[in-house]
Protein backbone atom coordinates (compact mmCIF):
# COMPACT_ATOMS: atom_id res chain seq x y z
CA MET A 1 0.00 0.00 0.00
CA VAL A 2 1.08 3.59 -0.72
CA PRO A 3 0.38 6.53 1.62
CA ARG A 4 -1.95 9.13 0.13
CA SER A 5 -3.19 12.54 1.30
CA LEU A 6 -6.98 12.42 1.13
CA VAL A 7 -9.20 15.50 0.92
CA ALA A 8 -11.57 15.12 3.88
CA GLY A 9 -13.36 18.47 3.67
CA CYS A 10 -13.20 22.08 2.54
CA GLY A 11 -14.35 25.50 3.67
CA SER A 12 -14.33 29.11 2.52
CA TYR A 13 -14.91 32.65 3.65
CA LEU A 14 -15.45 35.89 1.73
CA PRO A 15 -15.67 39.33 3.36
CA ALA A 16 -19.13 40.87 3.42
CA ARG A 17 -18.30 43.98 1.40
CA ILE A 18 -18.70 43.59 -2.36
CA VAL A 19 -17.15 46.15 -4.71
CA THR A 20 -18.52 46.06 -8.25
CA ASN A 21 -16.85 47.23 -11.43
CA GLU A 22 -19.43 49.98 -11.65
CA GLU A 23 -18.37 51.30 -8.24
CA LEU A 24 -14.72 51.35 -9.32
CA SER A 25 -15.62 53.13 -12.56
CA ARG A 26 -16.91 56.07 -10.53
CA ARG A 27 -13.39 56.84 -9.30
CA LEU A 28 -11.13 55.32 -11.96
CA ASP A 29 -10.80 55.80 -15.71
CA THR A 30 -12.39 52.43 -16.48
CA THR A 31 -15.73 50.80 -17.20
CA ASP A 32 -17.49 47.58 -16.32
CA ALA A 33 -17.37 46.52 -19.97
CA TRP A 34 -13.60 47.16 -20.19
CA ILE A 35 -12.85 45.08 -17.06
CA VAL A 36 -15.16 42.20 -18.00
CA ALA A 37 -13.84 42.00 -21.57
CA ARG A 38 -10.20 41.85 -20.50
CA THR A 39 -10.43 39.79 -17.30
CA GLY A 40 -13.87 38.25 -16.78
CA ILE A 41 -14.18 40.04 -13.41
CA ARG A 42 -17.49 41.66 -12.41
CA GLN A 43 -16.99 42.15 -8.66
CA ARG A 44 -14.66 41.41 -5.75
CA HIS A 45 -14.90 41.11 -1.95
CA ILE A 46 -12.92 43.54 0.21
CA ALA A 47 -12.00 42.94 3.86
CA ALA A 48 -13.44 45.35 6.40
CA GLU A 49 -11.32 47.66 8.53
CA GLY A 50 -9.87 45.54 11.31
CA GLU A 51 -10.50 42.31 9.39
CA PHE A 52 -7.12 40.63 8.89
CA THR A 53 -5.84 37.73 6.81
CA SER A 54 -5.83 35.56 9.95
CA HIS A 55 -9.53 36.30 10.51
CA LEU A 56 -10.40 35.20 6.98
CA ALA A 57 -8.20 32.12 7.29
CA THR A 58 -9.70 31.16 10.64
CA ARG A 59 -13.25 31.36 9.26
CA ALA A 60 -12.35 29.22 6.25
CA GLY A 61 -10.40 26.77 8.41
CA ALA A 62 -13.26 26.35 10.87
CA ALA A 63 -15.64 25.65 7.99
CA ALA A 64 -13.26 23.05 6.53
CA LEU A 65 -12.90 21.26 9.88
CA ALA A 66 -16.67 21.15 10.25
CA ASP A 67 -17.10 19.85 6.70
CA ALA A 68 -14.55 17.11 7.37
CA SER A 69 -16.02 16.30 10.82
CA VAL A 70 -12.52 16.73 12.24
CA ASP A 71 -11.87 18.07 15.75
CA ALA A 72 -9.20 20.69 16.32
CA GLY A 73 -7.42 18.22 18.61
CA ASP A 74 -6.83 15.89 15.67
CA VAL A 75 -4.98 18.45 13.54
CA ASP A 76 -1.19 18.26 13.74
CA LEU A 77 -0.23 20.55 10.84
CA VAL A 78 -1.48 24.01 9.85
CA ILE A 79 -0.14 25.68 6.71
CA VAL A 80 -1.34 29.08 5.53
CA ALA A 81 -0.43 30.16 2.01
CA THR A 82 -0.40 33.95 1.94
CA SER A 83 1.47 36.97 0.60
CA THR A 84 -0.40 39.32 2.92
CA PRO A 85 0.36 38.11 6.46
CA ASP A 86 -0.97 39.92 9.52
CA GLU A 87 2.56 40.72 10.67
CA THR A 88 6.15 40.35 9.53
CA PHE A 89 6.31 37.60 12.17
CA PRO A 90 5.12 35.35 13.64
CA ALA A 91 3.47 33.30 10.91
CA THR A 92 -0.21 33.97 10.33
CA ALA A 93 -0.67 30.19 10.67
CA THR A 94 0.15 30.41 14.37
CA ARG A 95 -2.65 32.92 14.90
CA VAL A 96 -5.04 30.62 13.05
CA GLN A 97 -3.82 27.64 15.06
CA SER A 98 -4.53 29.45 18.31
CA ALA A 99 -7.92 30.78 17.20
CA LEU A 100 -9.08 27.30 16.20
CA GLY A 101 -7.86 25.67 19.42
CA ILE A 102 -5.22 23.52 17.72
CA THR A 103 -2.47 22.79 20.23
CA LYS A 104 -0.16 20.20 18.67
CA GLY A 105 2.11 19.85 15.68
CA ALA A 106 3.55 22.54 13.39
CA ALA A 107 2.10 25.77 12.05
CA PHE A 108 3.78 27.95 9.43
CA ASP A 109 3.19 30.09 6.34
CA VAL A 110 4.13 29.39 2.73
CA GLN A 111 4.84 32.35 0.41
CA ALA A 112 4.62 31.64 -3.31
CA VAL A 113 2.11 34.38 -4.18
CA CYS A 114 -0.66 33.05 -6.45
CA THR A 115 0.94 29.59 -6.59
CA GLY A 116 0.95 29.52 -2.78
CA PHE A 117 -1.90 27.06 -2.29
CA VAL A 118 -0.38 24.52 -4.70
CA TYR A 119 2.97 24.90 -2.91
CA ALA A 120 1.25 24.47 0.47
CA LEU A 121 -0.55 21.34 -0.72
CA ALA A 122 2.77 19.90 -1.87
CA VAL A 123 4.37 20.57 1.51
CA ALA A 124 1.43 19.10 3.42
CA ASP A 125 1.37 16.07 1.13
CA SER A 126 5.05 15.43 1.90
CA PHE A 127 4.40 15.63 5.66
CA LEU A 128 1.51 13.19 5.44
CA ARG A 129 3.20 10.72 3.12
CA LEU A 130 6.25 10.59 5.41
CA GLY A 131 4.07 10.13 8.48
CA THR A 132 5.32 13.33 10.11
CA ALA A 133 1.70 14.43 10.35
CA THR A 134 -1.65 12.66 10.03
CA THR A 135 -4.15 15.50 9.62
CA ALA A 136 -3.34 18.81 7.93
CA LEU A 137 -5.31 22.02 7.58
CA VAL A 138 -4.14 23.81 4.43
CA ILE A 139 -5.42 27.36 3.90
CA GLY A 140 -5.01 29.99 1.21
CA ALA A 141 -5.88 33.44 2.56
CA GLU A 142 -5.27 36.96 1.29
CA THR A 143 -6.12 40.60 1.90
CA PHE A 144 -4.63 41.91 -1.34
CA SER A 145 -6.71 45.07 -1.02
CA ARG A 146 -4.07 46.22 1.51
CA ILE A 147 -1.21 46.19 -1.04
CA LEU A 148 -2.99 47.68 -4.05
CA ASP A 149 -2.48 51.14 -5.49
CA TRP A 150 -6.14 52.11 -5.80
CA THR A 151 -5.27 54.80 -8.34
CA ASP A 152 -3.75 52.28 -10.77
CA ARG A 153 -6.56 50.91 -12.92
CA THR A 154 -4.28 48.29 -14.49
CA THR A 155 -3.87 46.43 -11.18
CA CYS A 156 -6.44 47.45 -8.57
CA VAL A 157 -9.42 46.17 -10.58
CA LEU A 158 -7.93 42.66 -10.71
CA PHE A 159 -7.78 41.58 -7.09
CA GLY A 160 -9.98 40.74 -4.12
CA ASP A 161 -9.84 39.31 -0.62
CA GLY A 162 -10.89 35.88 0.64
CA ALA A 163 -9.85 32.55 2.10
CA GLY A 164 -10.33 28.88 1.29
CA ALA A 165 -9.20 25.76 3.12
CA VAL A 166 -8.99 21.99 2.83
CA VAL A 167 -8.44 19.28 5.41
CA LEU A 168 -6.06 16.51 4.35
CA LYS A 169 -5.94 13.17 6.17
CA ARG A 170 -3.34 10.46 5.79
CA GLY A 171 -4.70 7.39 4.03
CA GLU A 172 -3.56 4.61 1.75
CA GLY A 173 -3.91 3.63 -1.89
CA GLU A 174 -2.62 1.11 -4.39
CA GLY A 175 -0.14 3.53 -5.92
CA THR A 176 -2.13 4.02 -9.14
CA ALA A 177 -3.98 6.94 -10.71
CA ALA A 178 -7.22 5.32 -9.49
CA ASP A 179 -6.31 6.15 -5.87
CA ARG A 180 -8.24 8.82 -3.97
CA GLY A 181 -6.24 11.83 -2.77
CA ILE A 182 -3.25 13.76 -4.08
CA LEU A 183 -1.59 11.80 -6.88
CA SER A 184 1.31 14.20 -7.51
CA THR A 185 2.42 17.81 -7.28
CA HIS A 186 4.80 19.67 -9.60
CA LEU A 187 6.44 22.93 -8.52
CA HIS A 188 8.62 25.40 -10.41
CA ALA A 189 10.18 28.84 -9.99
CA ASP A 190 12.30 31.23 -12.05
CA GLY A 191 13.65 34.14 -10.03
CA ARG A 192 14.94 35.82 -13.18
CA GLN A 193 11.32 36.86 -13.85
CA HIS A 194 11.01 38.85 -10.59
CA ASP A 195 10.10 42.13 -12.25
CA LEU A 196 6.99 40.78 -13.97
CA LEU A 197 4.99 40.73 -10.74
CA TYR A 198 6.17 42.06 -7.38
CA VAL A 199 5.43 44.43 -4.51
CA ASP A 200 7.70 47.48 -4.30
CA GLY A 201 8.35 47.30 -0.58
CA GLY A 202 9.24 45.13 2.40
CA PRO A 203 10.78 45.18 5.89
CA SER A 204 14.37 44.77 4.62
CA THR A 205 14.16 47.26 1.74
CA THR A 206 11.77 50.14 2.30
CA GLY A 207 10.39 49.37 5.73
CA ARG A 208 6.83 49.56 4.41
CA ALA A 209 4.45 47.13 2.73
CA GLY A 210 4.55 48.76 -0.71
CA HIS A 211 2.20 48.29 -3.68
CA LEU A 212 1.72 45.56 -6.24
CA ARG A 213 3.37 46.15 -9.63
CA MET A 214 2.75 44.00 -12.69
CA GLN A 215 3.67 43.66 -16.37
CA GLY A 216 0.33 42.23 -17.39
CA GLN A 217 0.95 41.38 -21.05
CA GLU A 218 4.12 39.45 -20.34
CA ILE A 219 2.51 37.61 -17.42
CA PHE A 220 -0.32 36.60 -19.76
CA ARG A 221 2.11 35.28 -22.37
CA GLN A 222 4.17 33.30 -19.88
CA ALA A 223 1.15 31.96 -18.02
CA VAL A 224 -0.52 30.20 -20.94
CA VAL A 225 2.71 28.42 -21.90
CA LYS A 226 3.92 27.50 -18.41
CA LEU A 227 0.53 26.36 -17.14
CA SER A 228 -0.10 24.05 -20.09
CA GLU A 229 3.40 22.60 -19.65
CA VAL A 230 3.03 21.95 -15.92
CA MET A 231 -0.39 20.34 -16.41
CA ASN A 232 1.08 18.04 -19.06
CA GLU A 233 3.84 17.24 -16.57
CA ALA A 234 1.23 16.04 -14.06
CA LEU A 235 -0.61 13.97 -16.66
CA ALA A 236 2.61 12.29 -17.81
CA ALA A 237 3.72 11.55 -14.25
CA ASN A 238 0.52 9.65 -13.59
CA GLY A 239 -0.04 8.05 -16.99
CA VAL A 240 -3.32 9.93 -17.39
CA ASP A 241 -4.86 11.32 -20.58
CA VAL A 242 -6.38 14.78 -20.61
CA SER A 243 -9.74 13.22 -21.51
CA GLU A 244 -9.81 11.62 -18.05
CA ILE A 245 -9.82 14.96 -16.22
CA ASP A 246 -13.25 15.71 -14.79
CA TRP A 247 -12.47 19.25 -13.63
CA LEU A 248 -9.75 21.85 -14.03
CA VAL A 249 -9.61 24.18 -11.02
CA PRO A 250 -7.18 26.92 -12.03
CA HIS A 251 -5.88 29.92 -10.18
CA GLN A 252 -8.42 32.61 -10.97
CA ALA A 253 -6.13 35.28 -12.43
CA ASN A 254 -7.77 36.11 -15.74
CA ARG A 255 -10.52 34.28 -17.62
CA ARG A 256 -8.57 34.46 -20.88
CA ILE A 257 -5.52 32.87 -19.23
CA MET A 258 -7.64 30.06 -17.81
CA THR A 259 -9.40 29.26 -21.06
CA GLY A 260 -6.21 29.73 -23.09
CA ALA A 261 -4.25 27.25 -20.99
CA ALA A 262 -7.13 24.76 -21.06
CA HIS A 263 -7.41 25.08 -24.84
CA LYS A 264 -3.67 24.51 -25.25
CA LEU A 265 -4.02 21.38 -23.09
CA GLY A 266 -7.02 20.19 -25.11
CA LEU A 267 -9.56 20.53 -22.30
CA PRO A 268 -13.05 21.92 -23.09
CA GLU A 269 -14.14 25.10 -21.32
CA GLU A 270 -17.15 23.41 -19.72
CA ARG A 271 -14.78 21.42 -17.50
CA ILE A 272 -13.23 24.55 -15.92
CA ILE A 273 -14.38 25.73 -12.50
CA ILE A 274 -14.58 29.52 -12.85
CA THR A 275 -15.24 31.94 -9.98
CA ILE A 276 -13.24 34.96 -11.13
CA ASP A 277 -16.38 36.84 -12.15
CA ARG A 278 -17.48 37.05 -8.48
CA HIS A 279 -14.21 36.74 -6.55
CA ALA A 280 -11.62 38.43 -8.83
CA ASN A 281 -8.02 37.32 -8.25
CA THR A 282 -7.66 36.30 -4.60
CA SER A 283 -4.11 35.00 -5.11
CA ALA A 284 -3.40 31.97 -2.88
CA ALA A 285 -7.07 31.80 -1.87
CA SER A 286 -8.49 31.44 -5.38
CA ILE A 287 -8.07 27.68 -5.89
CA PRO A 288 -9.47 26.56 -2.52
CA LEU A 289 -12.35 29.04 -2.88
CA ALA A 290 -13.20 27.51 -6.27
CA LEU A 291 -12.76 23.96 -4.96
CA CYS A 292 -15.10 24.63 -2.08
CA GLU A 293 -17.76 26.22 -4.28
CA ALA A 294 -17.69 23.28 -6.71
CA SER A 295 -17.88 20.81 -3.83
CA LYS A 296 -20.81 22.57 -2.19
CA ASP A 297 -22.85 22.90 -5.39
CA GLY A 298 -22.36 19.25 -6.29
CA ARG A 299 -20.15 19.56 -9.34
CA LEU A 300 -17.23 17.86 -7.57
CA LYS A 301 -18.11 14.27 -6.74
CA PRO A 302 -16.15 11.46 -5.05
CA GLY A 303 -13.82 9.83 -7.53
CA HIS A 304 -13.56 12.83 -9.86
CA LEU A 305 -10.09 13.51 -11.24
CA VAL A 306 -9.19 17.15 -10.59
CA MET A 307 -6.30 19.23 -11.94
CA LEU A 308 -5.14 22.30 -10.03
CA GLU A 309 -2.76 24.84 -11.58
CA ALA A 310 -1.41 28.28 -10.74
CA ILE A 311 1.21 30.86 -11.66
CA GLY A 312 2.32 33.81 -9.57
CA GLY A 313 5.06 36.25 -8.69
CA GLY A 314 8.59 34.93 -8.53
CA LEU A 315 7.79 33.67 -11.08
CA THR A 316 6.39 30.55 -9.45
CA TRP A 317 4.07 28.01 -11.02
CA GLY A 318 2.82 24.52 -10.33
CA SER A 319 0.16 21.86 -10.66
CA CYS A 320 -1.49 19.24 -8.51
CA LEU A 321 -3.41 16.21 -9.75
CA LEU A 322 -5.81 14.70 -7.22
CA ARG A 323 -8.75 12.39 -7.08
CA TRP A 324 -11.61 13.82 -5.01
């Protein structure tokens, strides 16, 4: 038998405040039609004053534990993927751990920007496969509204706040692609591409948080190529044909990127889980938010083969193939 990391449950949380494209158009040189045509985004959720990344993560984590029927005392690993932590240190994961009443095991953050949730899944999967942990809470949570330049229409219209979470439990399989759980993860980075997407600040450089800066056209070009490649890498590693994929759950960066990468892979658009129209780009939170929505509305069913993919600042990119 082969150890596998099984998805036991999922949860999500979105801040109450919704900001529509029309609202943004009243203070920026943009329109709803312009934003929708170029990105697929119609609205985004924005965290309230005093509502931190840890608060969003805790709400999503609590919902995931309830969905999995797992007690806090059973969790021995908490990983939060985020680029917008509450503080420089300690890790936001430790605040979530405390808030949820989890008192054993490890808690730490993973920072890979929009690829963060895929990176965090890979780390958790390694812990569970090795037996270092038995039950992991993996969360993607962001308050990107805090690092946006709200006068820059090329970036501020793209992002939103939110959190999504999954509970992973150690199980066993036969070592084939028919197994339930995470089949494989594939991670990449290229630091030479730093300037394509970054935040112009930090404790060691400017002493302030800074604002997000992006070269959108080049990100688009790189994303379609790299995402199709890393998805093919996952298929090849597991001896699976693209026709066997039930659902693609991509990072929700841009609708044209998602459909472009799927088309290059040979996957029809009707098999893509899309939430960008309502959530915008929530960075590390986007994949678990989409997973949770598809689980709750019944699209994701036990035994479905699911491909996750993401690309983000660094550049970082990766994929995860799992059976629900």
